[in-house]
Amino acid sequence: MGSASSLLLASTNGDLIKLEKVLKKRVNIECVNKEGCSPLFLACRENHTELILPLLNAQADPNCPNAQGITPLHISCELGHVEVVRHLLQHKAKWKLLDPQSRPALIIAAMAGHALVVTELLAAGAHADDMIRNKPGRTALLLSAEKGQSTVVSALLKGGANSSIKDDQGYTPLHKGAE
């Protein structure tokens, strides 16, 4: 098995010993599997927290998207991997990058109902009133209220979200929460 294949397998399986052994061989840290996922993306997706720092310290790009345009931060926010999100943000993952559905990381985490991830993103500088691009008023607060996610709503309000922003139909988060 080649070094790139070994690195991808170790990242998927959470094998720290194998990962460190392969990294010593100076393998291409941005190699990808047939789905276009890098070792860092795979480790993030699988919540292999112990692999994240070794990969980042080996210069893995925290902003490198997979073939579908999803970054390690996007997938970690969607799956609620708080510690992974924290490591990525500390290593310059860009919370402003949009996923293929034009959503920043905060919207992804809020829609998935992950209040602790939302709090991490806000602490890193994400804007509580970020919107889905080309969808006026579709803020994280409105989307969370619409889904009845009270812990996310609370985190966003504590983070300074504006509860009076209206969507393109004139609804505020209060309207959506009351539905």
Foldseek 3Di string as FASTA:
>chain_A
DDLQVQLQVCLQVLPPVSNVVSVVVVDDQCDADPQQDGSLLNNLLNLSLVVNVVSVVSVDDQADAGPQQAGSLLNNLLVQSLSSNLSSLVSPHDQCDAGPQQDGSLLNNLLSLRQSNNLSVLVSPDQLQDARPPWFQRGSLLNNLLVLSVSNNVSSVVSPYDQCGATPVGDGSVNSNVD
